[in-house]
């Protein structure tokens, strides 16, 4: 498994950890709640063609999903940044299946094509 390096909490001050925890917690709670409640969740933004493509691909495959939208290129960049910091994934859409982040458009289309998305979705 490939892991990206993260700054160890031992190398952050209490003040830094408090600021991180206080950065749009309602947004993170909303995403976490949706991921817990729905087998497939797409987190996206308006005007992003990759988000539209993922939603179209899931619909074409007959896969139901819950969609959360946070602004556009012109609004709500801070809530989107909070989501990126929380998930560690740098772009949108962010597609979660049974709580697992599978990635964005390319990974989602590949998972639909090879059947792994449905297998993961149907896993209890």
PDB file of N, CA and C in Angstrom:
ATOM      1  N   UNK A   1       0.835  -1.168   0.000  1.00  0.00           N
ATOM      2  CA  UNK A   1       0.000   0.000   0.000  1.00  0.00           C
ATOM      3  C   UNK A   1       0.889   1.244   0.000  1.00  0.00           C
ATOM      4  N   UNK A   2       0.556   2.184  -0.830  1.00  0.00           N
ATOM      5  CA  UNK A   2       1.298   3.437  -0.904  1.00  0.00           C
ATOM      6  C   UNK A   2       0.688   4.413   0.096  1.00  0.00           C
ATOM      7  N   UNK A   3       1.515   4.975   0.926  1.00  0.00           N
ATOM      8  CA  UNK A   3       1.059   5.956   1.904  1.00  0.00           C
ATOM      9  C   UNK A   3       1.719   7.293   1.608  1.00  0.00           C
ATOM     10  N   UNK A   4       0.940   8.345   1.703  1.00  0.00           N
ATOM     11  CA  UNK A   4       1.549   9.655   1.554  1.00  0.00           C
ATOM     12  C   UNK A   4       2.003  10.106   2.924  1.00  0.00           C
ATOM     13  N   UNK A   5       3.113  10.798   2.987  1.00  0.00           N
ATOM     14  CA  UNK A   5       3.593  11.235   4.297  1.00  0.00           C
ATOM     15  C   UNK A   5       2.691  12.324   4.870  1.00  0.00           C
ATOM     16  N   UNK A   6       2.367  12.182   6.144  1.00  0.00           N
ATOM     17  CA  UNK A   6       1.589  13.180   6.862  1.00  0.00           C
ATOM     18  C   UNK A   6       2.443  13.714   8.005  1.00  0.00           C
ATOM     19  N   UNK A   7       2.235  14.953   8.325  1.00  0.00           N
ATOM     20  CA  UNK A   7       2.937  15.536   9.447  1.00  0.00           C
ATOM     21  C   UNK A   7       2.454  14.869  10.726  1.00  0.00           C
ATOM     22  N   UNK A   8       3.359  14.327  11.483  1.00  0.00           N
ATOM     23  CA  UNK A   8       3.022  13.647  12.721  1.00  0.00           C
ATOM     24  C   UNK A   8       2.435  14.646  13.710  1.00  0.00           C
ATOM     25  N   UNK A   9       1.374  14.235  14.393  1.00  0.00           N
ATOM     26  CA  UNK A   9       0.729  15.115  15.373  1.00  0.00           C
ATOM     27  C   UNK A   9       1.702  15.562  16.455  1.00  0.00           C
ATOM     28  N   UNK A  10       2.727  14.767  16.724  1.00  0.00           N
ATOM     29  CA  UNK A  10       3.730  15.144  17.719  1.00  0.00           C
ATOM     30  C   UNK A  10       4.522  16.377  17.280  1.00  0.00           C
ATOM     31  N   UNK A  11       4.432  16.692  15.990  1.00  0.00           N
ATOM     32  CA  UNK A  11       5.164  17.845  15.463  1.00  0.00           C
ATOM     33  C   UNK A  11       4.243  19.025  15.180  1.00  0.00           C
ATOM     34  N   UNK A  12       3.103  19.061  15.837  1.00  0.00           N
ATOM     35  CA  UNK A  12       2.196  20.207  15.758  1.00  0.00           C
ATOM     36  C   UNK A  12       1.876  20.658  17.176  1.00  0.00           C
ATOM     37  N   UNK A  13       1.653  21.925  17.309  1.00  0.00           N
ATOM     38  CA  UNK A  13       1.325  22.469  18.619  1.00  0.00           C
ATOM     39  C   UNK A  13      -0.155  22.244  18.913  1.00  0.00           C
ATOM     40  N   UNK A  14      -0.514  22.409  20.173  1.00  0.00           N
ATOM     41  CA  UNK A  14      -1.923  22.328  20.542  1.00  0.00           C
ATOM     42  C   UNK A  14      -2.727  23.365  19.771  1.00  0.00           C
ATOM     43  N   UNK A  15      -2.170  24.563  19.620  1.00  0.00           N
ATOM     44  CA  UNK A  15      -2.878  25.633  18.902  1.00  0.00           C
ATOM     45  C   UNK A  15      -3.119  25.248  17.448  1.00  0.00           C
ATOM     46  N   UNK A  16      -2.144  24.615  16.811  1.00  0.00           N
ATOM     47  CA  UNK A  16      -2.303  24.194  15.415  1.00  0.00           C
ATOM     48  C   UNK A  16      -3.366  23.104  15.310  1.00  0.00           C
ATOM     49  N   UNK A  17      -3.350  22.142  16.225  1.00  0.00           N
ATOM     50  CA  UNK A  17      -4.347  21.067  16.200  1.00  0.00           C
ATOM     51  C   UNK A  17      -5.750  21.616  16.442  1.00  0.00           C
ATOM     52  N   UNK A  18      -5.871  22.600  17.322  1.00  0.00           N
ATOM     53  CA  UNK A  18      -7.174  23.232  17.565  1.00  0.00           C
ATOM     54  C   UNK A  18      -7.684  23.937  16.315  1.00  0.00           C
ATOM     55  N   UNK A  19      -6.793  24.633  15.616  1.00  0.00           N
ATOM     56  CA  UNK A  19      -7.185  25.345  14.394  1.00  0.00           C
ATOM     57  C   UNK A  19      -7.625  24.349  13.321  1.00  0.00           C
ATOM     58  N   UNK A  20      -6.909  23.261  13.194  1.00  0.00           N
ATOM     59  CA  UNK A  20      -7.274  22.224  12.224  1.00  0.00           C
ATOM     60  C   UNK A  20      -8.648  21.649  12.566  1.00  0.00           C
ATOM     61  N   UNK A  21      -8.860  21.331  13.839  1.00  0.00           N
ATOM     62  CA  UNK A  21     -10.131  20.730  14.260  1.00  0.00           C
ATOM     63  C   UNK A  21     -11.301  21.698  14.085  1.00  0.00           C
ATOM     64  N   UNK A  22     -11.024  22.990  14.170  1.00  0.00           N
ATOM     65  CA  UNK A  22     -12.082  23.999  14.086  1.00  0.00           C
ATOM     66  C   UNK A  22     -12.348  24.477  12.659  1.00  0.00           C
ATOM     67  N   UNK A  23     -11.636  23.944  11.688  1.00  0.00           N
ATOM     68  CA  UNK A  23     -11.771  24.399  10.301  1.00  0.00           C
ATOM     69  C   UNK A  23     -12.941  23.684   9.636  1.00  0.00           C
ATOM     70  N   UNK A  24     -14.086  24.331   9.584  1.00  0.00           N
ATOM     71  CA  UNK A  24     -15.322  23.841   8.951  1.00  0.00           C
ATOM     72  C   UNK A  24     -15.736  22.453   9.435  1.00  0.00           C
ATOM     73  N   UNK A  25     -15.867  22.277  10.745  1.00  0.00           N
ATOM     74  CA  UNK A  25     -16.253  20.952  11.264  1.00  0.00           C
ATOM     75  C   UNK A  25     -17.646  20.525  10.835  1.00  0.00           C
ATOM     76  N   UNK A  26     -18.557  21.463  10.619  1.00  0.00           N
ATOM     77  CA  UNK A  26     -19.912  21.082  10.184  1.00  0.00           C
ATOM     78  C   UNK A  26     -19.875  20.451   8.795  1.00  0.00           C
ATOM     79  N   UNK A  27     -19.015  20.953   7.934  1.00  0.00           N
ATOM     80  CA  UNK A  27     -18.870  20.384   6.597  1.00  0.00           C
ATOM     81  C   UNK A  27     -18.353  18.952   6.695  1.00  0.00           C
ATOM     82  N   UNK A  28     -17.329  18.744   7.504  1.00  0.00           N
ATOM     83  CA  UNK A  28     -16.766  17.405   7.655  1.00  0.00           C
ATOM     84  C   UNK A  28     -17.795  16.461   8.275  1.00  0.00           C
ATOM     85  N   UNK A  29     -18.531  16.944   9.268  1.00  0.00           N
ATOM     86  CA  UNK A  29     -19.578  16.119   9.873  1.00  0.00           C
ATOM     87  C   UNK A  29     -20.646  15.738   8.848  1.00  0.00           C
ATOM     88  N   UNK A  30     -21.005  16.684   7.977  1.00  0.00           N
ATOM     89  CA  UNK A  30     -22.004  16.402   6.940  1.00  0.00           C
ATOM     90  C   UNK A  30     -21.511  15.311   5.992  1.00  0.00           C
ATOM     91  N   UNK A  31     -20.263  15.395   5.583  1.00  0.00           N
ATOM     92  CA  UNK A  31     -19.699  14.382   4.683  1.00  0.00           C
ATOM     93  C   UNK A  31     -19.615  13.032   5.395  1.00  0.00           C
ATOM     94  N   UNK A  32     -19.122  13.016   6.610  1.00  0.00           N
ATOM     95  CA  UNK A  32     -18.999  11.763   7.365  1.00  0.00           C
ATOM     96  C   UNK A  32     -20.361  11.118   7.602  1.00  0.00           C
ATOM     97  N   UNK A  33     -21.365  11.928   7.899  1.00  0.00           N
ATOM     98  CA  UNK A  33     -22.717  11.408   8.116  1.00  0.00           C
ATOM     99  C   UNK A  33     -23.271  10.787   6.835  1.00  0.00           C
ATOM    100  N   UNK A  34     -23.063  11.467   5.714  1.00  0.00           N
ATOM    101  CA  UNK A  34     -23.538  10.931   4.430  1.00  0.00           C
ATOM    102  C   UNK A  34     -22.838   9.624   4.084  1.00  0.00           C
ATOM    103  N   UNK A  35     -21.540   9.566   4.317  1.00  0.00           N
ATOM    104  CA  UNK A  35     -20.773   8.352   4.017  1.00  0.00           C
ATOM    105  C   UNK A  35     -21.256   7.186   4.875  1.00  0.00           C
ATOM    106  N   UNK A  36     -21.618   7.462   6.114  1.00  0.00           N
ATOM    107  CA  UNK A  36     -22.114   6.411   7.006  1.00  0.00           C
ATOM    108  C   UNK A  36     -23.521   5.956   6.621  1.00  0.00           C
ATOM    109  N   UNK A  37     -24.296   6.853   6.010  1.00  0.00           N
ATOM    110  CA  UNK A  37     -25.707   6.564   5.729  1.00  0.00           C
ATOM    111  C   UNK A  37     -25.970   6.007   4.332  1.00  0.00           C
ATOM    112  N   UNK A  38     -25.045   6.196   3.396  1.00  0.00           N
ATOM    113  CA  UNK A  38     -25.294   5.824   1.996  1.00  0.00           C
ATOM    114  C   UNK A  38     -24.158   4.957   1.470  1.00  0.00           C
ATOM    115  N   UNK A  39     -24.492   3.924   0.682  1.00  0.00           N
ATOM    116  CA  UNK A  39     -23.445   3.062   0.133  1.00  0.00           C
ATOM    117  C   UNK A  39     -22.477   3.794  -0.804  1.00  0.00           C
ATOM    118  N   UNK A  40     -22.997   4.727  -1.600  1.00  0.00           N
ATOM    119  CA  UNK A  40     -22.146   5.472  -2.541  1.00  0.00           C
ATOM    120  C   UNK A  40     -22.425   6.952  -2.345  1.00  0.00           C
ATOM    121  N   UNK A  41     -21.349   7.715  -2.152  1.00  0.00           N
ATOM    122  CA  UNK A  41     -21.455   9.160  -1.971  1.00  0.00           C
ATOM    123  C   UNK A  41     -20.479   9.841  -2.919  1.00  0.00           C
ATOM    124  N   UNK A  42     -20.990  10.851  -3.613  1.00  0.00           N
ATOM    125  CA  UNK A  42     -20.161  11.686  -4.473  1.00  0.00           C
ATOM    126  C   UNK A  42     -20.121  13.074  -3.849  1.00  0.00           C
ATOM    127  N   UNK A  43     -18.921  13.545  -3.554  1.00  0.00           N
ATOM    128  CA  UNK A  43     -18.738  14.891  -3.030  1.00  0.00           C
ATOM    129  C   UNK A  43     -18.161  15.718  -4.170  1.00  0.00           C
ATOM    130  N   UNK A  44     -18.878  16.793  -4.511  1.00  0.00           N
ATOM    131  CA  UNK A  44     -18.442  17.564  -5.662  1.00  0.00           C
ATOM    132  C   UNK A  44     -18.705  19.039  -5.535  1.00  0.00           C
ATOM    133  N   UNK A  45     -18.653  19.674  -6.680  1.00  0.00           N
ATOM    134  CA  UNK A  45     -18.860  21.102  -6.780  1.00  0.00           C
ATOM    135  C   UNK A  45     -19.496  21.417  -8.120  1.00  0.00           C
ATOM    136  N   UNK A  46     -20.209  22.534  -8.169  1.00  0.00           N
ATOM    137  CA  UNK A  46     -20.852  22.953  -9.418  1.00  0.00           C
ATOM    138  C   UNK A  46     -19.794  23.353 -10.439  1.00  0.00           C
ATOM    139  N   UNK A  47     -20.142  23.247 -11.686  1.00  0.00           N
ATOM    140  CA  UNK A  47     -19.333  23.686 -12.827  1.00  0.00           C
ATOM    141  C   UNK A  47     -18.098  22.829 -13.089  1.00  0.00           C
ATOM    142  N   UNK A  48     -17.898  21.776 -12.343  1.00  0.00           N
ATOM    143  CA  UNK A  48     -16.727  20.934 -12.536  1.00  0.00           C
ATOM    144  C   UNK A  48     -17.109  19.796 -13.478  1.00  0.00           C
ATOM    145  N   UNK A  49     -16.485  19.716 -14.647  1.00  0.00           N
ATOM    146  CA  UNK A  49     -16.874  18.684 -15.609  1.00  0.00           C
ATOM    147  C   UNK A  49     -16.589  17.265 -15.119  1.00  0.00           C
ATOM    148  N   UNK A  50     -15.592  17.080 -14.274  1.00  0.00           N
ATOM    149  CA  UNK A  50     -15.276  15.740 -13.762  1.00  0.00           C
ATOM    150  C   UNK A  50     -16.373  15.240 -12.835  1.00  0.00           C
ATOM    151  N   UNK A  51     -16.949  16.161 -12.060  1.00  0.00           N
ATOM    152  CA  UNK A  51     -18.072  15.795 -11.195  1.00  0.00           C
ATOM    153  C   UNK A  51     -19.265  15.383 -12.057  1.00  0.00           C
ATOM    154  N   UNK A  52     -19.549  16.166 -13.079  1.00  0.00           N
ATOM    155  CA  UNK A  52     -20.663  15.833 -13.981  1.00  0.00           C
ATOM    156  C   UNK A  52     -20.439  14.488 -14.648  1.00  0.00           C
ATOM    157  N   UNK A  53     -19.213  14.224 -15.065  1.00  0.00           N
ATOM    158  CA  UNK A  53     -18.909  12.951 -15.732  1.00  0.00           C
ATOM    159  C   UNK A  53     -19.100  11.763 -14.795  1.00  0.00           C
ATOM    160  N   UNK A  54     -18.688  11.891 -13.544  1.00  0.00           N
ATOM    161  CA  UNK A  54     -18.863  10.803 -12.580  1.00  0.00           C
ATOM    162  C   UNK A  54     -20.341  10.546 -12.325  1.00  0.00           C
ATOM    163  N   UNK A  55     -21.091  11.605 -12.122  1.00  0.00           N
ATOM    164  CA  UNK A  55     -22.532  11.439 -11.876  1.00  0.00           C
ATOM    165  C   UNK A  55     -23.201  10.780 -13.083  1.00  0.00           C
ATOM    166  N   UNK A  56     -22.823  11.195 -14.276  1.00  0.00           N
ATOM    167  CA  UNK A  56     -23.374  10.613 -15.503  1.00  0.00           C
ATOM    168  C   UNK A  56     -23.003   9.130 -15.607  1.00  0.00           C
ATOM    169  N   UNK A  57     -21.747   8.788 -15.303  1.00  0.00           N
ATOM    170  CA  UNK A  57     -21.295   7.393 -15.387  1.00  0.00           C
ATOM    171  C   UNK A  57     -22.014   6.511 -14.366  1.00  0.00           C
ATOM    172  N   UNK A  58     -22.192   7.013 -13.155  1.00  0.00           N
ATOM    173  CA  UNK A  58     -22.910   6.239 -12.147  1.00  0.00           C
ATOM    174  C   UNK A  58     -24.367   6.045 -12.551  1.00  0.00           C
ATOM    175  N   UNK A  59     -24.990   7.090 -13.044  1.00  0.00           N
ATOM    176  CA  UNK A  59     -26.382   6.972 -13.506  1.00  0.00           C
ATOM    177  C   UNK A  59     -26.498   5.968 -14.648  1.00  0.00           C
ATOM    178  N   UNK A  60     -25.576   6.039 -15.612  1.00  0.00           N
ATOM    179  CA  UNK A  60     -25.608   5.132 -16.758  1.00  0.00           C
ATOM    180  C   UNK A  60     -25.432   3.680 -16.325  1.00  0.00           C
ATOM    181  N   UNK A  61     -24.666   3.470 -15.254  1.00  0.00           N
ATOM    182  CA  UNK A  61     -24.446   2.117 -14.747  1.00  0.00           C
ATOM    183  C   UNK A  61     -25.568   1.663 -13.813  1.00  0.00           C
ATOM    184  N   UNK A  62     -26.529   2.538 -13.554  1.00  0.00           N
ATOM    185  CA  UNK A  62     -27.639   2.197 -12.674  1.00  0.00           C
ATOM    186  C   UNK A  62     -27.263   2.144 -11.200  1.00  0.00           C
ATOM    187  N   UNK A  63     -26.214   2.855 -10.835  1.00  0.00           N
ATOM    188  CA  UNK A  63     -25.741   2.852  -9.447  1.00  0.00           C
ATOM    189  C   UNK A  63     -26.276   4.102  -8.745  1.00  0.00           C
ATOM    190  N   UNK A  64     -27.088   3.877  -7.732  1.00  0.00           N
ATOM    191  CA  UNK A  64     -27.627   4.998  -6.971  1.00  0.00           C
ATOM    192  C   UNK A  64     -26.540   5.585  -6.083  1.00  0.00           C
ATOM    193  N   UNK A  65     -26.598   6.907  -5.906  1.00  0.00           N
ATOM    194  CA  UNK A  65     -25.590   7.570  -5.081  1.00  0.00           C
ATOM    195  C   UNK A  65     -26.208   8.795  -4.423  1.00  0.00           C
ATOM    196  N   UNK A  66     -25.588   9.205  -3.352  1.00  0.00           N
ATOM    197  CA  UNK A  66     -25.959  10.436  -2.658  1.00  0.00           C
ATOM    198  C   UNK A  66     -24.949  11.497  -3.071  1.00  0.00           C
ATOM    199  N   UNK A  67     -25.448  12.678  -3.413  1.00  0.00           N
ATOM    200  CA  UNK A  67     -24.565  13.736  -3.906  1.00  0.00           C
ATOM    201  C   UNK A  67     -24.539  14.912  -2.942  1.00  0.00           C
ATOM    202  N   UNK A  68     -23.346  15.352  -2.608  1.00  0.00           N
ATOM    203  CA  UNK A  68     -23.132  16.556  -1.814  1.00  0.00           C
ATOM    204  C   UNK A  68     -22.368  17.558  -2.674  1.00  0.00           C
ATOM    205  N   UNK A  69     -22.876  18.769  -2.730  1.00  0.00           N
ATOM    206  CA  UNK A  69     -22.228  19.789  -3.560  1.00  0.00           C
ATOM    207  C   UNK A  69     -21.806  20.967  -2.682  1.00  0.00           C
ATOM    208  N   UNK A  70     -20.578  21.386  -2.863  1.00  0.00           N
ATOM    209  CA  UNK A  70     -20.025  22.500  -2.100  1.00  0.00           C
ATOM    210  C   UNK A  70     -19.523  23.584  -3.045  1.00  0.00           C
ATOM    211  N   UNK A  71     -20.413  24.495  -3.374  1.00  0.00           N
ATOM    212  CA  UNK A  71     -20.064  25.664  -4.158  1.00  0.00           C
ATOM    213  C   UNK A  71     -19.644  25.361  -5.576  1.00  0.00           C
ATOM    214  N   UNK A  72     -18.933  26.347  -6.124  1.00  0.00           N
ATOM    215  CA  UNK A  72     -18.423  26.259  -7.489  1.00  0.00           C
ATOM    216  C   UNK A  72     -16.997  26.808  -7.474  1.00  0.00           C
ATOM    217  N   UNK A  73     -16.468  27.048  -8.633  1.00  0.00           N
ATOM    218  CA  UNK A  73     -15.132  27.642  -8.701  1.00  0.00           C
ATOM    219  C   UNK A  73     -15.100  29.024  -8.058  1.00  0.00           C
ATOM    220  N   UNK A  74     -16.263  29.631  -7.893  1.00  0.00           N
ATOM    221  CA  UNK A  74     -16.339  30.998  -7.390  1.00  0.00           C
ATOM    222  C   UNK A  74     -16.839  31.104  -5.957  1.00  0.00           C
ATOM    223  N   UNK A  75     -17.143  29.985  -5.319  1.00  0.00           N
ATOM    224  CA  UNK A  75     -17.675  30.066  -3.962  1.00  0.00           C
ATOM    225  C   UNK A  75     -17.321  28.811  -3.165  1.00  0.00           C
ATOM    226  N   UNK A  76     -17.393  28.942  -1.874  1.00  0.00           N
ATOM    227  CA  UNK A  76     -17.223  27.858  -0.910  1.00  0.00           C
ATOM    228  C   UNK A  76     -15.895  27.119  -1.022  1.00  0.00           C
ATOM    229  N   UNK A  77     -14.814  27.836  -1.313  1.00  0.00           N
ATOM    230  CA  UNK A  77     -13.532  27.160  -1.433  1.00  0.00           C
ATOM    231  C   UNK A  77     -13.028  26.677  -0.078  1.00  0.00           C
ATOM    232  N   UNK A  78     -13.378  27.373   1.004  1.00  0.00           N
ATOM    233  CA  UNK A  78     -12.909  26.925   2.321  1.00  0.00           C
ATOM    234  C   UNK A  78     -13.550  25.605   2.751  1.00  0.00           C
ATOM    235  N   UNK A  79     -14.867  25.429   2.600  1.00  0.00           N
ATOM    236  CA  UNK A  79     -15.407  24.098   2.920  1.00  0.00           C
ATOM    237  C   UNK A  79     -14.788  22.990   2.062  1.00  0.00           C
ATOM    238  N   UNK A  80     -14.532  23.273   0.784  1.00  0.00           N
ATOM    239  CA  UNK A  80     -13.896  22.260  -0.072  1.00  0.00           C
ATOM    240  C   UNK A  80     -12.477  21.972   0.399  1.00  0.00           C
ATOM    241  N   UNK A  81     -11.769  23.008   0.818  1.00  0.00           N
ATOM    242  CA  UNK A  81     -10.419  22.802   1.348  1.00  0.00           C
ATOM    243  C   UNK A  81     -10.469  21.929   2.598  1.00  0.00           C
ATOM    244  N   UNK A  82     -11.444  22.164   3.460  1.00  0.00           N
ATOM    245  CA  UNK A  82     -11.588  21.335   4.661  1.00  0.00           C
ATOM    246  C   UNK A  82     -11.793  19.873   4.292  1.00  0.00           C
ATOM    247  N   UNK A  83     -12.596  19.615   3.273  1.00  0.00           N
ATOM    248  CA  UNK A  83     -12.830  18.237   2.824  1.00  0.00           C
ATOM    249  C   UNK A  83     -11.532  17.630   2.302  1.00  0.00           C
ATOM    250  N   UNK A  84     -10.794  18.384   1.515  1.00  0.00           N
ATOM    251  CA  UNK A  84      -9.522  17.884   0.986  1.00  0.00           C
ATOM    252  C   UNK A  84      -8.532  17.580   2.105  1.00  0.00           C
ATOM    253  N   UNK A  85      -8.467  18.462   3.101  1.00  0.00           N
ATOM    254  CA  UNK A  85      -7.569  18.226   4.229  1.00  0.00           C
ATOM    255  C   UNK A  85      -7.987  16.983   5.004  1.00  0.00           C
ATOM    256  N   UNK A  86      -9.298  16.819   5.174  1.00  0.00           N
ATOM    257  CA  UNK A  86      -9.810  15.659   5.912  1.00  0.00           C
ATOM    258  C   UNK A  86      -9.543  14.354   5.156  1.00  0.00           C
ATOM    259  N   UNK A  87      -9.864  14.331   3.861  1.00  0.00           N
ATOM    260  CA  UNK A  87      -9.738  13.076   3.101  1.00  0.00           C
ATOM    261  C   UNK A  87      -8.311  12.814   2.629  1.00  0.00           C
ATOM    262  N   UNK A  88      -7.554  13.879   2.461  1.00  0.00           N
ATOM    263  CA  UNK A  88      -6.215  13.727   1.895  1.00  0.00           C
ATOM    264  C   UNK A  88      -6.218  13.644   0.382  1.00  0.00           C
ATOM    265  N   UNK A  89      -7.377  13.794  -0.245  1.00  0.00           N
ATOM    266  CA  UNK A  89      -7.491  13.691  -1.701  1.00  0.00           C
ATOM    267  C   UNK A  89      -7.533  15.103  -2.289  1.00  0.00           C
ATOM    268  N   UNK A  90      -6.735  15.395  -3.317  1.00  0.00           N
ATOM    269  CA  UNK A  90      -6.535  16.777  -3.738  1.00  0.00           C
ATOM    270  C   UNK A  90      -7.580  17.383  -4.666  1.00  0.00           C
ATOM    271  N   UNK A  91      -8.495  16.589  -5.211  1.00  0.00           N
ATOM    272  CA  UNK A  91      -9.402  17.130  -6.224  1.00  0.00           C
ATOM    273  C   UNK A  91     -10.834  16.647  -5.992  1.00  0.00           C
ATOM    274  N   UNK A  92     -11.734  17.181  -6.798  1.00  0.00           N
ATOM    275  CA  UNK A  92     -13.137  16.756  -6.815  1.00  0.00           C
ATOM    276  C   UNK A  92     -13.465  16.241  -8.200  1.00  0.00           C
ATOM    277  N   UNK A  93     -14.339  15.251  -8.278  1.00  0.00           N
ATOM    278  CA  UNK A  93     -15.145  14.687  -7.201  1.00  0.00           C
ATOM    279  C   UNK A  93     -14.313  13.782  -6.303  1.00  0.00           C
ATOM    280  N   UNK A  94     -14.901  13.525  -5.140  1.00  0.00           N
ATOM    281  CA  UNK A  94     -14.396  12.497  -4.249  1.00  0.00           C
ATOM    282  C   UNK A  94     -15.527  11.485  -4.115  1.00  0.00           C
ATOM    283  N   UNK A  95     -15.242  10.265  -4.496  1.00  0.00           N
ATOM    284  CA  UNK A  95     -16.268   9.222  -4.516  1.00  0.00           C
ATOM    285  C   UNK A  95     -15.944   8.203  -3.426  1.00  0.00           C
ATOM    286  N   UNK A  96     -16.930   7.982  -2.557  1.00  0.00           N
ATOM    287  CA  UNK A  96     -16.804   7.044  -1.448  1.00  0.00           C
ATOM    288  C   UNK A  96     -17.775   5.894  -1.667  1.00  0.00           C
ATOM    289  N   UNK A  97     -17.277   4.680  -1.487  1.00  0.00           N
ATOM    290  CA  UNK A  97     -18.123   3.484  -1.583  1.00  0.00           C
ATOM    291  C   UNK A  97     -17.945   2.703  -0.282  1.00  0.00           C
ATOM    292  N   UNK A  98     -19.060   2.544   0.426  1.00  0.00           N
ATOM    293  CA  UNK A  98     -19.050   1.873   1.736  1.00  0.00           C
ATOM    294  C   UNK A  98     -17.964   2.458   2.640  1.00  0.00           C
ATOM    295  N   UNK A  99     -17.839   3.792   2.614  1.00  0.00           N
ATOM    296  CA  UNK A  99     -16.896   4.475   3.483  1.00  0.00           C
ATOM    297  C   UNK A  99     -15.472   4.531   2.979  1.00  0.00           C
ATOM    298  N   UNK A 100     -15.208   3.909   1.855  1.00  0.00           N
ATOM    299  CA  UNK A 100     -13.860   3.887   1.299  1.00  0.00           C
ATOM    300  C   UNK A 100     -13.749   4.896   0.165  1.00  0.00           C
ATOM    301  N   UNK A 101     -12.769   5.769   0.251  1.00  0.00           N
ATOM    302  CA  UNK A 101     -12.515   6.724  -0.830  1.00  0.00           C
ATOM    303  C   UNK A 101     -11.887   5.968  -1.987  1.00  0.00           C
ATOM    304  N   UNK A 102     -12.589   5.955  -3.138  1.00  0.00           N
ATOM    305  CA  UNK A 102     -12.007   5.264  -4.290  1.00  0.00           C
ATOM    306  C   UNK A 102     -11.302   6.235  -5.219  1.00  0.00           C
ATOM    307  N   UNK A 103     -11.564   7.534  -5.102  1.00  0.00           N
ATOM    308  CA  UNK A 103     -10.873   8.530  -5.908  1.00  0.00           C
ATOM    309  C   UNK A 103     -11.825   9.434  -6.639  1.00  0.00           C
ATOM    310  N   UNK A 104     -11.370   9.910  -7.796  1.00  0.00           N
ATOM    311  CA  UNK A 104     -12.144  10.840  -8.604  1.00  0.00           C
ATOM    312  C   UNK A 104     -12.703  10.188  -9.847  1.00  0.00           C
ATOM    313  N   UNK A 105     -12.754  10.962 -10.921  1.00  0.00           N
ATOM    314  CA  UNK A 105     -13.400  10.484 -12.153  1.00  0.00           C
ATOM    315  C   UNK A 105     -12.723   9.245 -12.729  1.00  0.00           C
ATOM    316  N   UNK A 106     -11.424   9.296 -12.936  1.00  0.00           N
ATOM    317  CA  UNK A 106     -10.732   8.169 -13.574  1.00  0.00           C
ATOM    318  C   UNK A 106     -10.900   6.874 -12.780  1.00  0.00           C
ATOM    319  N   UNK A 107     -10.688   6.961 -11.467  1.00  0.00           N
ATOM    320  CA  UNK A 107     -10.788   5.763 -10.633  1.00  0.00           C
ATOM    321  C   UNK A 107     -12.221   5.241 -10.575  1.00  0.00           C
ATOM    322  N   UNK A 108     -13.186   6.158 -10.555  1.00  0.00           N
ATOM    323  CA  UNK A 108     -14.587   5.731 -10.494  1.00  0.00           C
ATOM    324  C   UNK A 108     -15.007   5.047 -11.787  1.00  0.00           C
ATOM    325  N   UNK A 109     -14.667   5.630 -12.913  1.00  0.00           N
ATOM    326  CA  UNK A 109     -15.007   5.023 -14.202  1.00  0.00           C
ATOM    327  C   UNK A 109     -14.330   3.660 -14.332  1.00  0.00           C
ATOM    328  N   UNK A 110     -13.073   3.564 -13.915  1.00  0.00           N
ATOM    329  CA  UNK A 110     -12.369   2.279 -13.970  1.00  0.00           C
ATOM    330  C   UNK A 110     -13.047   1.249 -13.065  1.00  0.00           C
ATOM    331  N   UNK A 111     -13.481   1.671 -11.863  1.00  0.00           N
ATOM    332  CA  UNK A 111     -14.137   0.752 -10.931  1.00  0.00           C
ATOM    333  C   UNK A 111     -15.511   0.318 -11.434  1.00  0.00           C
ATOM    334  N   UNK A 112     -16.200   1.205 -12.146  1.00  0.00           N
ATOM    335  CA  UNK A 112     -17.469   0.809 -12.765  1.00  0.00           C
ATOM    336  C   UNK A 112     -17.192  -0.212 -13.862  1.00  0.00           C
ATOM    337  N   UNK A 113     -16.210   0.067 -14.683  1.00  0.00           N
ATOM    338  CA  UNK A 113     -15.882  -0.789 -15.831  1.00  0.00           C
ATOM    339  C   UNK A 113     -15.441  -2.185 -15.408  1.00  0.00           C
ATOM    340  N   UNK A 114     -14.584  -2.251 -14.392  1.00  0.00           N
ATOM    341  CA  UNK A 114     -14.089  -3.578 -13.996  1.00  0.00           C
ATOM    342  C   UNK A 114     -14.974  -4.285 -12.969  1.00  0.00           C
ATOM    343  N   UNK A 115     -16.051  -3.633 -12.546  1.00  0.00           N
ATOM    344  CA  UNK A 115     -16.997  -4.247 -11.630  1.00  0.00           C
ATOM    345  C   UNK A 115     -16.640  -4.122 -10.159  1.00  0.00           C
ATOM    346  N   UNK A 116     -15.481  -3.545  -9.846  1.00  0.00           N
ATOM    347  CA  UNK A 116     -15.061  -3.481  -8.447  1.00  0.00           C
ATOM    348  C   UNK A 116     -15.922  -2.517  -7.625  1.00  0.00           C
ATOM    349  N   UNK A 117     -16.487  -1.503  -8.248  1.00  0.00           N
ATOM    350  CA  UNK A 117     -17.349  -0.569  -7.511  1.00  0.00           C
ATOM    351  C   UNK A 117     -18.585  -1.298  -7.009  1.00  0.00           C
ATOM    352  N   UNK A 118     -19.231  -2.051  -7.870  1.00  0.00           N
ATOM    353  CA  UNK A 118     -20.439  -2.792  -7.462  1.00  0.00           C
ATOM    354  C   UNK A 118     -20.083  -3.849  -6.421  1.00  0.00           C
ATOM    355  N   UNK A 119     -18.967  -4.529  -6.577  1.00  0.00           N
ATOM    356  CA  UNK A 119     -18.571  -5.538  -5.594  1.00  0.00           C
ATOM    357  C   UNK A 119     -18.361  -4.899  -4.223  1.00  0.00           C
ATOM    358  N   UNK A 120     -17.680  -3.760  -4.199  1.00  0.00           N
ATOM    359  CA  UNK A 120     -17.450  -3.064  -2.931  1.00  0.00           C
ATOM    360  C   UNK A 120     -18.763  -2.543  -2.363  1.00  0.00           C
ATOM    361  N   UNK A 121     -19.625  -2.016  -3.218  1.00  0.00           N
ATOM    362  CA  UNK A 121     -20.916  -1.491  -2.775  1.00  0.00           C
ATOM    363  C   UNK A 121     -21.782  -2.590  -2.177  1.00  0.00           C
ATOM    364  N   UNK A 122     -21.738  -3.765  -2.755  1.00  0.00           N
ATOM    365  CA  UNK A 122     -22.586  -4.856  -2.302  1.00  0.00           C
ATOM    366  C   UNK A 122     -21.979  -5.669  -1.159  1.00  0.00           C
ATOM    367  N   UNK A 123     -20.783  -5.305  -0.723  1.00  0.00           N
ATOM    368  CA  UNK A 123     -20.141  -5.971   0.401  1.00  0.00           C
ATOM    369  C   UNK A 123     -20.756  -5.463   1.699  1.00  0.00           C
ATOM    370  N   UNK A 124     -21.058  -6.374   2.582  1.00  0.00           N
ATOM    371  CA  UNK A 124     -21.649  -5.961   3.874  1.00  0.00           C
ATOM    372  C   UNK A 124     -20.581  -5.603   4.809  1.00  0.00           C
TER     373      UNK A 124
END
